[in-house]
Amino acid sequence: MVSTPKTDFLPAVQENDFLPPISRWSTLGGLFLVGAMGVAVTLTCVTKYKITVKAQAIFRPAGELRLVQAPVEGSVIKILVAENQMVQKGDVIATIDDSRLQTKKSQLQNNQQQAQLQLIQINAQIRALDRQIVAETDRSKLAVASAEAELSRSRRQYQDRLLTTVTEVEEAAANLRFAQEELQQAVAQLKSTQANLRSTESALKAAKSRRKRYQSISASGALSQNQLEEAELAVDQQQQTVEAQKAAVEAQKQRIDQQKQAVDARRARLQRVKAALNPSNAEVAIAQQRIAQEQAIAKATLATLNREKEALIQQRIEIQNQQSQDTRELQQVEIELRQTAIKSPEDGTIFQLALRNSGQTVKHGEEIAQIAPSNTSLLVKALVPARDIGKVEINQAAQLRVSACPYPDYGTLNGVVKKIAPDATTLQSNSITASRENRGSAFYQVTIAPESLVLGKGNKQCAIQLGMEGRADIITREETVLQFLLRKARLITDV
C-alpha cells in the first residue's frame, strides 16, 4: 500500500524558527548602548581638550643679576656665604689671603723709616756744611781785611820812608830783623803744617782701609748700608782735609818765599838806604799778593764746600723721591688690602656662588658670585624642546607646577608667555635643569610671567622663592575630543 503525503497537513519549518525570542531586557540594553554611543559621539564633538607643551622650568629674577668680581688676585681663605642666602650691601662674601700684601706693606714701611733716618743724617750734614761755609766766609773776610790793613801799613811805611832821612837805616835794620823772624816763624809753621799733612794722609789711609773692609762686609750682608755710607763719607772728608792741608802747605811755602823775598828786599833796602836812602815798595807788592792769595784760598774752599752741599742736596732729593714713590705704593697696598674682603654691592640674594672651597685661587676680575637684587620680581624660564617651539606663541596661557610645592596640596600657578628666545640653546652636562635624557638636546628659552608668587589657598600656602624648579604646561590651543582622536588616528592633519 503506497501512502501519498499531503502537503497541507503540516506547515514548513524555517531556520529562524529555532532561535529563542528576543527578551525585553535585550531590547532595552541595545537601545541603551545605541543611545550611549550617540551621547559619546555628541560629547566628543562638543567637549574641548587643551593641547599643552610641557617644559622644564626654573624661577629666575626678572632684572639683571649683579656680578661680584674679585678686585685682586689671590687665594681664598674664607667663604662667608652660601647660595640662596640673603645678604645686605657691604656684607663680606669671602676673604682673600693678604699675607703677600702685608709683607709688602711691612717692607715699604721699613723703607720709609730708613729713608727718614737718612734724611735726618743728610740734613745734619748740610747744616754742618752751612756752618763751615759761614765760618770760611768770615775767615776769608778777616784774612782779606788783615791783608788790606797790611797793605795800608806798607804803603804808609813806604811814604814815611820817603820822608825819613836819619832814622831810615835803623828802621831798615829793624825791618830786616823783623822779616827774618817772620821767615823763621813761617819755616816753623811750614814744618808743623807738613806734619799735620802727614798725619792727615795717615788718617786717610786708615779711612780707606776701613771703607774697604766695610765694602767686603757689606757685600755679605753683615753690615748696614748706613755704616758703609758713613765710611765712604769719612774717606771723602779725609781726602778733603788732605787737599786742604796740601793747599795750606803750598800757601805756607808761598808765604816763606814771600818772607824770603821780604828779607831780601829789606836787606836790599837797608843797603839802598845806607847807600842812597832810596826806599823800596816791595812790601806793598807783598801785601797785594797776600790779598789775592787769601781771596783765592777762600774761593777754592767755598767751592769745595758748595760742591759737597750740592751732592748732599741731590742725595736728599733722590731719597725724597724714593720716599714719595714708596708712599704711593703703600697707599695702593692699603687699597688692595681693603679689597681682599670681597663685599656685596647691594642688598639681595646669592643666586650663584662660584667659590667652592677655601684655598681656591681667583684672578683679578674673575666672577665670584651673582646676586639677585631684593627689589626685583621673579619670572619663569622654561626650556621648550625645539620640536615643540612652533606651537608656542606670546600671550599664551600656562600652568606651572612647582617641585617644592606638591601639586595635590597646592595646585598649579597660572602664567602668561611673555618672551620667546630667538635662538635655541643646548643644555650642558653640568646644567641645573638638565635631565639625563635631555642633555645635549636643543631647547628654546621661554619666559613666563606668573600671576602671583604664592601657591595654595587659605592658610595652606607655598611661597615661591628664587631658584625653585618645576614644570610648565603651555596651553597652545583647544580642540574637541573627536578632533584629538581623529588627529591621533591620522584621519585629519590640518588641526
Protein backbone atom coordinates (compact mmCIF):
# COMPACT_ATOMS: atom_id res chain seq x y z
CA MET A 1 0.00 0.00 0.00
CA VAL A 2 1.55 3.25 -1.03
CA SER A 3 0.93 6.35 1.08
CA THR A 4 0.76 9.69 -0.56
CA PRO A 5 1.97 12.68 1.56
CA LYS A 6 -0.28 15.62 1.97
CA THR A 7 1.46 18.95 1.97
CA ASP A 8 -1.38 20.83 3.51
CA PHE A 9 -1.30 18.71 6.61
CA LEU A 10 1.99 20.17 8.33
CA PRO A 11 3.45 23.72 7.82
CA ALA A 12 7.06 24.30 6.50
CA VAL A 13 9.76 24.97 9.16
CA GLN A 14 12.46 27.84 8.75
CA GLU A 15 15.92 28.15 10.42
CA ASN A 16 14.96 31.32 12.31
CA ASP A 17 12.08 29.39 13.83
CA PHE A 18 14.62 27.56 16.02
CA LEU A 19 16.08 30.86 17.58
CA PRO A 20 14.87 31.95 21.01
CA PRO A 21 12.74 35.07 21.11
CA ILE A 22 14.42 38.46 21.96
CA SER A 23 13.74 39.42 25.52
CA ARG A 24 12.66 42.84 26.68
CA TRP A 25 15.95 43.43 28.56
CA SER A 26 17.99 42.72 25.47
CA THR A 27 15.95 45.22 23.55
CA LEU A 28 16.34 47.83 26.26
CA GLY A 29 20.11 47.13 26.55
CA GLY A 30 20.59 47.56 22.84
CA LEU A 31 18.67 50.80 22.85
CA PHE A 32 20.83 51.99 25.81
CA LEU A 33 24.07 51.16 24.03
CA VAL A 34 22.93 52.94 20.89
CA GLY A 35 21.95 55.97 22.97
CA ALA A 36 25.25 55.93 24.89
CA MET A 37 27.19 55.80 21.65
CA GLY A 38 25.21 58.72 20.37
CA VAL A 39 25.81 60.72 23.54
CA ALA A 40 29.55 59.84 23.46
CA VAL A 41 29.85 60.93 19.85
CA THR A 42 27.99 64.13 20.70
CA LEU A 43 30.28 64.82 23.68
CA THR A 44 33.42 64.17 21.62
CA CYS A 45 32.18 66.72 19.14
CA VAL A 46 31.44 69.32 21.83
CA THR A 47 33.92 68.77 24.72
CA LYS A 48 37.08 70.88 24.47
CA TYR A 49 40.53 69.37 25.07
CA LYS A 50 43.59 71.54 25.92
CA ILE A 51 46.74 70.85 23.93
CA THR A 52 49.84 71.71 26.03
CA VAL A 53 53.58 71.80 25.58
CA LYS A 54 55.45 70.57 28.62
CA ALA A 55 58.75 72.14 29.57
CA GLN A 56 61.15 72.17 32.48
CA ALA A 57 61.07 75.48 34.34
CA ILE A 58 63.01 77.43 36.96
CA PHE A 59 62.25 80.70 38.72
CA ARG A 60 64.77 83.43 37.87
CA PRO A 61 64.96 87.15 38.69
CA ALA A 62 63.26 89.50 36.25
CA GLY A 63 66.08 92.07 36.20
CA GLU A 64 69.79 91.71 35.62
CA LEU A 65 71.91 89.89 38.16
CA ARG A 66 74.63 91.84 39.93
CA LEU A 67 78.02 90.30 39.29
CA VAL A 68 80.60 90.29 42.07
CA GLN A 69 84.17 90.14 40.76
CA ALA A 70 87.47 89.60 42.51
CA PRO A 71 89.17 93.01 42.90
CA VAL A 72 92.59 91.42 43.47
CA GLU A 73 94.32 88.15 42.69
CA GLY A 74 94.97 85.64 45.43
CA SER A 75 93.88 82.56 47.31
CA VAL A 76 90.51 82.45 49.08
CA ILE A 77 90.97 81.78 52.79
CA LYS A 78 87.35 82.02 53.96
CA ILE A 79 83.88 81.83 52.36
CA LEU A 80 81.20 83.51 54.48
CA VAL A 81 78.03 83.00 52.38
CA ALA A 82 76.18 80.24 50.55
CA GLU A 83 73.83 80.12 47.58
CA ASN A 84 70.27 81.43 48.18
CA GLN A 85 71.48 83.30 51.28
CA MET A 86 70.21 86.83 51.88
CA VAL A 87 72.93 89.47 52.04
CA GLN A 88 72.98 93.19 52.64
CA LYS A 89 75.09 95.83 50.98
CA GLY A 90 78.59 95.74 52.43
CA ASP A 91 78.39 92.19 53.79
CA VAL A 92 81.62 90.23 53.28
CA ILE A 93 81.19 87.38 50.81
CA ALA A 94 84.72 85.97 51.02
CA THR A 95 88.21 86.99 52.08
CA ILE A 96 91.40 86.64 50.06
CA ASP A 97 94.81 85.85 51.52
CA ASP A 98 96.62 89.13 52.20
CA SER A 99 99.94 87.79 53.50
CA ARG A 100 101.80 88.94 50.38
CA LEU A 101 100.33 92.42 50.68
CA GLN A 102 101.11 92.55 54.40
CA THR A 103 104.74 91.62 53.67
CA LYS A 104 104.96 94.29 51.00
CA LYS A 105 103.41 96.82 53.37
CA SER A 106 105.97 95.98 56.06
CA GLN A 107 108.83 96.34 53.57
CA LEU A 108 107.56 99.71 52.38
CA GLN A 109 107.18 100.94 55.95
CA ASN A 110 110.74 99.83 56.76
CA ASN A 111 111.99 101.58 53.63
CA GLN A 112 110.28 104.77 54.71
CA GLN A 113 111.83 104.57 58.17
CA GLN A 114 115.29 104.03 56.70
CA ALA A 115 114.74 106.91 54.29
CA GLN A 116 113.66 109.14 57.16
CA LEU A 117 116.84 108.31 59.09
CA GLN A 118 118.95 109.02 56.02
CA LEU A 119 117.20 112.35 55.56
CA ILE A 120 117.93 113.28 59.17
CA GLN A 121 121.62 112.45 58.69
CA ILE A 122 121.84 114.32 55.39
CA ASN A 123 120.11 117.38 56.83
CA ALA A 124 122.58 117.36 59.73
CA GLN A 125 125.49 117.18 57.28
CA ILE A 126 124.03 120.01 55.22
CA ARG A 127 123.67 122.17 58.33
CA ALA A 128 127.28 121.37 59.27
CA LEU A 129 128.43 122.39 55.79
CA ASP A 130 126.41 125.59 56.05
CA ARG A 131 128.21 126.39 59.28
CA GLN A 132 131.56 125.63 57.63
CA ILE A 133 130.69 127.87 54.70
CA VAL A 134 129.76 130.71 57.04
CA ALA A 135 132.94 130.19 59.07
CA GLU A 136 135.12 130.07 55.96
CA THR A 137 133.44 133.19 54.61
CA ASP A 138 134.09 135.02 57.87
CA ARG A 139 137.69 133.77 57.98
CA SER A 140 138.36 134.89 54.41
CA LYS A 141 136.88 138.30 55.13
CA LEU A 142 139.08 138.68 58.18
CA ALA A 143 142.15 137.49 56.27
CA VAL A 144 141.50 139.89 53.41
CA ALA A 145 140.85 142.69 55.86
CA SER A 146 144.11 141.86 57.60
CA ALA A 147 145.95 141.79 54.28
CA GLU A 148 144.40 145.08 53.29
CA ALA A 149 145.45 146.53 56.60
CA GLU A 150 148.93 145.20 55.94
CA LEU A 151 148.84 146.79 52.52
CA SER A 152 147.77 150.07 54.00
CA ARG A 153 150.52 149.84 56.57
CA SER A 154 153.11 149.05 53.93
CA ARG A 155 152.04 151.98 51.88
CA ARG A 156 152.16 154.23 54.91
CA GLN A 157 155.60 152.97 55.77
CA TYR A 158 156.75 153.50 52.25
CA GLN A 159 155.53 157.07 52.39
CA ASP A 160 157.12 157.54 55.78
CA ARG A 161 160.39 156.19 54.49
CA LEU A 162 160.29 158.67 51.72
CA LEU A 163 160.06 161.38 54.32
CA THR A 164 162.52 159.98 56.80
CA THR A 165 166.18 160.66 56.43
CA VAL A 166 168.08 159.99 59.57
CA THR A 167 166.25 157.00 61.06
CA GLU A 168 165.84 155.04 57.82
CA VAL A 169 168.93 152.95 58.34
CA GLU A 170 167.93 151.95 61.85
CA GLU A 171 164.38 151.33 60.71
CA ALA A 172 165.58 149.26 57.76
CA ALA A 173 167.74 147.16 60.03
CA ALA A 174 164.83 146.62 62.37
CA ASN A 175 162.59 145.68 59.48
CA LEU A 176 165.19 143.22 58.25
CA ARG A 177 165.32 141.56 61.63
CA PHE A 178 161.52 141.51 61.72
CA ALA A 179 161.36 139.87 58.30
CA GLN A 180 163.94 137.28 59.28
CA GLU A 181 161.93 136.40 62.39
CA GLU A 182 158.79 136.07 60.32
CA LEU A 183 160.67 133.82 57.92
CA GLN A 184 161.76 131.61 60.79
CA GLN A 185 158.21 131.50 62.07
CA ALA A 186 156.98 130.67 58.59
CA VAL A 187 159.53 127.84 58.32
CA ALA A 188 158.46 126.50 61.69
CA GLN A 189 154.83 126.81 60.72
CA LEU A 190 155.59 125.02 57.43
CA LYS A 191 157.09 122.11 59.35
CA SER A 192 154.04 121.99 61.58
CA THR A 193 151.73 122.09 58.55
CA GLN A 194 153.72 119.31 56.84
CA ALA A 195 153.45 117.22 59.99
CA ASN A 196 149.70 117.79 60.01
CA LEU A 197 149.61 116.79 56.34
CA ARG A 198 151.41 113.52 57.05
CA SER A 199 149.04 112.84 59.93
CA THR A 200 146.03 113.58 57.73
CA GLU A 201 147.36 111.30 54.97
CA SER A 202 147.76 108.51 57.54
CA ALA A 203 144.18 109.10 58.67
CA LEU A 204 143.07 108.97 55.01
CA LYS A 205 144.81 105.62 54.52
CA ALA A 206 143.13 104.30 57.65
CA ALA A 207 139.73 105.56 56.42
CA LYS A 208 140.26 103.92 53.03
CA SER A 209 141.26 100.66 54.69
CA ARG A 210 138.14 100.78 56.87
CA ARG A 211 135.96 101.53 53.84
CA LYS A 212 137.47 98.57 52.00
CA ARG A 213 136.73 96.30 54.96
CA TYR A 214 133.18 97.67 55.22
CA GLN A 215 132.61 97.07 51.50
CA SER A 216 133.57 93.40 51.78
CA ILE A 217 131.44 93.02 54.92
CA SER A 218 128.52 94.87 53.31
CA ALA A 219 128.70 92.58 50.27
CA SER A 220 127.99 89.62 52.56
CA GLY A 221 125.02 91.46 54.13
CA ALA A 222 126.54 91.66 57.63
CA LEU A 223 126.80 95.46 57.65
CA SER A 224 124.10 98.07 57.10
CA GLN A 225 124.21 100.45 54.19
CA ASN A 226 124.30 103.44 56.55
CA GLN A 227 127.63 102.35 58.12
CA LEU A 228 129.13 101.80 54.68
CA GLU A 229 127.98 105.24 53.60
CA GLU A 230 129.46 106.74 56.80
CA ALA A 231 132.80 105.07 55.99
CA GLU A 232 132.69 106.46 52.45
CA LEU A 233 131.82 109.90 53.84
CA ALA A 234 134.79 109.68 56.24
CA VAL A 235 137.09 108.89 53.29
CA ASP A 236 135.72 111.87 51.39
CA GLN A 237 136.17 114.14 54.40
CA GLN A 238 139.77 112.94 54.94
CA GLN A 239 140.52 113.49 51.26
CA GLN A 240 139.17 117.00 51.54
CA THR A 241 141.27 117.56 54.68
CA VAL A 242 144.39 116.28 52.87
CA GLU A 243 143.69 118.61 49.99
CA ALA A 244 143.18 121.47 52.42
CA GLN A 245 146.46 120.62 54.21
CA LYS A 246 148.28 120.43 50.90
CA ALA A 247 146.86 123.80 49.98
CA ALA A 248 147.97 125.10 53.36
CA VAL A 249 151.49 123.71 52.77
CA GLU A 250 151.64 125.34 49.38
CA ALA A 251 150.32 128.57 50.86
CA GLN A 252 152.92 128.37 53.62
CA LYS A 253 155.65 127.74 51.08
CA GLN A 254 154.47 130.73 49.15
CA ARG A 255 154.49 132.68 52.37
CA ILE A 256 158.05 131.54 53.08
CA ASP A 257 159.00 132.60 49.61
CA GLN A 258 157.34 135.87 50.29
CA GLN A 259 159.16 136.18 53.60
CA LYS A 260 162.43 135.36 51.92
CA GLN A 261 161.68 137.98 49.35
CA ALA A 262 160.79 140.36 52.16
CA VAL A 263 164.08 139.60 53.90
CA ASP A 264 165.97 140.08 50.68
CA ALA A 265 164.01 143.19 49.93
CA ARG A 266 164.62 144.63 53.38
CA ARG A 267 168.25 143.69 53.21
CA ALA A 268 168.50 145.34 49.86
CA ARG A 269 166.54 148.24 51.20
CA LEU A 270 168.93 148.53 54.05
CA GLN A 271 171.75 148.57 51.60
CA ARG A 272 169.97 151.08 49.48
CA VAL A 273 169.11 153.17 52.49
CA LYS A 274 172.65 153.01 53.51
CA ALA A 275 173.75 153.80 50.05
CA ALA A 276 171.25 156.29 48.81
CA LEU A 277 168.39 156.26 51.19
CA ASN A 278 166.12 155.05 48.34
CA PRO A 279 163.05 153.30 49.83
CA SER A 280 161.53 150.17 48.16
CA ASN A 281 157.84 149.30 47.61
CA ALA A 282 158.32 145.51 47.88
CA GLU A 283 156.17 145.28 50.97
CA VAL A 284 153.31 146.90 49.13
CA ALA A 285 153.56 144.26 46.42
CA ILE A 286 153.75 141.52 49.02
CA ALA A 287 150.63 142.80 50.76
CA GLN A 288 148.76 142.94 47.47
CA GLN A 289 149.84 139.38 46.67
CA ARG A 290 148.70 138.25 50.08
CA ILE A 291 145.25 139.74 49.47
CA ALA A 292 144.98 137.88 46.18
CA GLN A 293 146.20 134.70 47.85
CA GLU A 294 143.65 134.89 50.65
CA GLN A 295 140.87 135.52 48.15
CA ALA A 296 141.95 132.52 46.05
CA ILE A 297 142.11 130.22 49.08
CA ALA A 298 138.68 131.34 50.25
CA LYS A 299 137.22 130.85 46.78
CA ALA A 300 138.64 127.31 46.47
CA THR A 301 137.47 126.32 49.94
CA LEU A 302 133.97 127.69 49.41
CA ALA A 303 133.74 125.95 46.03
CA THR A 304 134.64 122.62 47.67
CA LEU A 305 132.11 123.08 50.45
CA ASN A 306 129.39 124.10 47.99
CA ARG A 307 130.07 121.01 45.86
CA GLU A 308 129.69 118.80 48.92
CA LYS A 309 126.49 120.58 49.85
CA GLU A 310 125.07 120.20 46.34
CA ALA A 311 125.92 116.49 46.37
CA LEU A 312 124.10 116.08 49.69
CA ILE A 313 121.12 118.06 48.41
CA GLN A 314 120.96 115.85 45.31
CA GLN A 315 121.12 112.76 47.50
CA ARG A 316 118.34 114.16 49.67
CA ILE A 317 116.18 114.81 46.60
CA GLU A 318 116.68 111.22 45.41
CA ILE A 319 115.75 109.86 48.83
CA GLN A 320 112.68 112.11 48.98
CA ASN A 321 111.61 110.94 45.50
CA GLN A 322 112.02 107.33 46.56
CA GLN A 323 110.11 108.07 49.74
CA SER A 324 107.27 109.62 47.72
CA GLN A 325 107.18 106.56 45.46
CA ASP A 326 107.11 104.25 48.50
CA THR A 327 104.26 106.34 49.93
CA ARG A 328 102.23 105.94 46.74
CA GLU A 329 102.91 102.20 46.68
CA LEU A 330 101.93 101.98 50.35
CA GLN A 331 98.65 103.76 49.63
CA GLN A 332 97.99 101.32 46.77
CA VAL A 333 98.77 98.38 49.05
CA GLU A 334 96.33 99.76 51.64
CA ILE A 335 93.64 99.94 48.94
CA GLU A 336 94.38 96.36 47.85
CA LEU A 337 94.30 95.20 51.48
CA ARG A 338 90.81 96.67 51.87
CA GLN A 339 89.82 94.91 48.64
CA THR A 340 90.84 91.49 49.97
CA ALA A 341 87.44 91.46 51.71
CA ILE A 342 85.01 90.84 48.81
CA LYS A 343 81.77 92.61 49.73
CA SER A 344 78.23 92.59 48.40
CA PRO A 345 77.49 95.63 46.18
CA GLU A 346 73.81 95.77 47.26
CA ASP A 347 71.02 94.02 49.14
CA GLY A 348 69.81 90.78 47.61
CA THR A 349 70.12 87.02 47.45
CA ILE A 350 73.18 84.99 46.46
CA PHE A 351 71.85 83.42 43.27
CA GLN A 352 75.06 81.68 42.24
CA LEU A 353 78.38 81.29 44.06
CA ALA A 354 81.47 80.41 42.02
CA LEU A 355 83.59 79.66 45.09
CA ARG A 356 83.61 76.02 46.09
CA ASN A 357 86.14 75.73 48.92
CA SER A 358 88.82 77.61 50.82
CA GLY A 359 92.20 77.74 49.13
CA GLN A 360 90.68 78.31 45.70
CA THR A 361 92.75 80.74 43.63
CA VAL A 362 90.96 83.61 41.91
CA LYS A 363 92.25 86.06 39.33
CA HIS A 364 91.68 89.78 39.13
CA GLY A 365 88.23 90.43 37.63
CA GLU A 366 87.11 86.79 37.95
CA GLU A 367 83.41 86.31 38.71
CA ILE A 368 82.87 85.37 42.35
CA ALA A 369 79.09 85.43 42.74
CA GLN A 370 75.80 86.54 41.19
CA ILE A 371 73.38 88.49 43.38
CA ALA A 372 69.69 88.92 42.65
CA PRO A 373 68.58 92.34 43.96
CA SER A 374 65.98 92.29 46.72
CA ASN A 375 63.51 94.55 44.91
CA THR A 376 63.37 92.51 41.69
CA SER A 377 60.40 90.31 40.70
CA LEU A 378 60.55 86.66 39.59
CA LEU A 379 59.95 85.17 36.17
CA VAL A 380 59.80 81.59 34.99
CA LYS A 381 62.40 80.39 32.48
CA ALA A 382 61.01 77.35 30.67
CA LEU A 383 63.04 75.18 28.29
CA VAL A 384 60.80 74.16 25.40
CA PRO A 385 62.12 71.40 23.10
CA ALA A 386 62.93 72.56 19.60
CA ARG A 387 60.31 70.21 18.12
CA ASP A 388 57.51 71.99 20.05
CA ILE A 389 58.59 75.63 19.77
CA GLY A 390 56.42 76.19 16.69
CA LYS A 391 53.32 75.69 18.83
CA VAL A 392 54.29 78.31 21.41
CA GLU A 393 53.27 81.95 20.97
CA ILE A 394 53.42 85.08 23.10
CA ASN A 395 50.45 85.73 25.44
CA GLN A 396 49.55 82.04 25.61
CA ALA A 397 48.38 80.81 28.99
CA ALA A 398 50.50 78.44 31.03
CA GLN A 399 50.07 76.36 34.15
CA LEU A 400 53.05 75.98 36.46
CA ARG A 401 53.77 73.13 38.83
CA VAL A 402 56.50 73.71 41.43
CA SER A 403 58.51 70.76 42.71
CA ALA A 404 58.84 72.28 46.18
CA CYS A 405 55.05 72.82 46.36
CA PRO A 406 53.38 69.44 45.61
CA TYR A 407 50.55 69.65 43.08
CA PRO A 408 47.97 67.68 45.13
CA ASP A 409 48.44 70.04 48.08
CA TYR A 410 48.89 73.44 46.46
CA GLY A 411 47.64 73.08 42.89
CA THR A 412 49.10 74.97 39.93
CA LEU A 413 50.15 78.54 39.28
CA ASN A 414 48.79 80.38 36.25
CA GLY A 415 51.03 82.41 33.99
CA VAL A 416 51.36 84.05 30.58
CA VAL A 417 54.08 83.62 27.95
CA LYS A 418 55.96 86.94 27.65
CA LYS A 419 59.05 86.19 25.60
CA ILE A 420 60.45 83.51 23.32
CA ALA A 421 64.18 83.23 22.70
CA PRO A 422 65.15 83.83 19.05
CA ASP A 423 67.69 81.01 19.03
CA ALA A 424 67.99 77.57 20.52
CA THR A 425 70.47 76.58 23.20
CA THR A 426 71.97 73.24 24.14
CA LEU A 427 71.92 72.13 27.76
CA GLN A 428 75.33 71.31 29.16
CA SER A 429 76.00 68.29 31.30
CA ASN A 430 76.50 70.46 34.38
CA SER A 431 73.30 72.47 33.91
CA ILE A 432 70.95 72.54 36.85
CA THR A 433 67.80 71.87 34.82
CA ALA A 434 69.34 69.29 32.50
CA SER A 435 67.99 65.78 32.98
CA ARG A 436 69.93 62.78 31.83
CA GLU A 437 67.83 62.22 28.70
CA ASN A 438 67.78 65.92 27.72
CA ARG A 439 71.49 66.65 27.96
CA GLY A 440 72.83 67.76 24.60
CA SER A 441 69.34 68.44 23.16
CA ALA A 442 68.30 71.76 21.67
CA PHE A 443 65.83 73.92 23.61
CA TYR A 444 64.30 77.37 23.33
CA GLN A 445 64.08 79.51 26.43
CA VAL A 446 60.56 80.81 27.01
CA THR A 447 59.87 83.48 29.62
CA ILE A 448 56.61 83.13 31.56
CA ALA A 449 55.22 85.77 33.91
CA PRO A 450 53.38 84.16 36.87
CA GLU A 451 50.17 85.76 38.10
CA SER A 452 51.36 85.56 41.71
CA LEU A 453 54.24 84.21 43.74
CA VAL A 454 52.12 82.18 46.15
CA LEU A 455 50.56 78.74 45.61
CA GLY A 456 47.56 77.45 47.51
CA LYS A 457 44.58 79.00 49.25
CA GLY A 458 43.71 79.95 52.76
CA ASN A 459 46.23 79.06 55.41
CA LYS A 460 47.90 76.41 53.28
CA GLN A 461 50.16 78.43 51.03
CA CYS A 462 53.58 77.92 49.49
CA ALA A 463 55.70 81.00 48.72
CA ILE A 464 57.73 80.93 45.52
CA GLN A 465 61.46 81.54 46.00
CA LEU A 466 64.32 82.23 43.67
CA GLY A 467 65.79 79.09 42.10
CA MET A 468 62.74 76.80 42.57
CA GLU A 469 62.23 74.26 39.78
CA GLY A 470 59.14 72.75 38.31
CA ARG A 471 57.20 72.07 35.11
CA ALA A 472 55.40 74.48 32.83
CA ASP A 473 52.39 73.34 30.76
CA ILE A 474 51.95 75.92 27.99
CA ILE A 475 48.42 75.78 26.52
CA THR A 476 48.96 76.10 22.78
CA ARG A 477 45.30 75.57 21.66
CA GLU A 478 41.99 73.85 22.47
CA GLU A 479 40.26 71.19 20.32
CA THR A 480 37.41 68.74 20.72
CA VAL A 481 37.99 65.18 21.81
CA LEU A 482 36.81 63.97 18.41
CA GLN A 483 39.42 66.13 16.69
CA PHE A 484 42.08 64.82 19.05
CA LEU A 485 41.10 61.18 18.34
CA LEU A 486 40.95 61.75 14.60
CA ARG A 487 44.34 63.52 14.69
CA LYS A 488 45.86 60.69 16.64
CA ALA A 489 44.36 58.26 14.16
CA ARG A 490 45.91 60.41 11.38
CA LEU A 491 42.49 60.84 9.76
CA ILE A 492 42.90 64.61 9.76
CA THR A 493 46.17 66.55 9.51
CA ASP A 494 45.14 70.18 9.29
CA VAL A 495 44.30 70.60 13.01
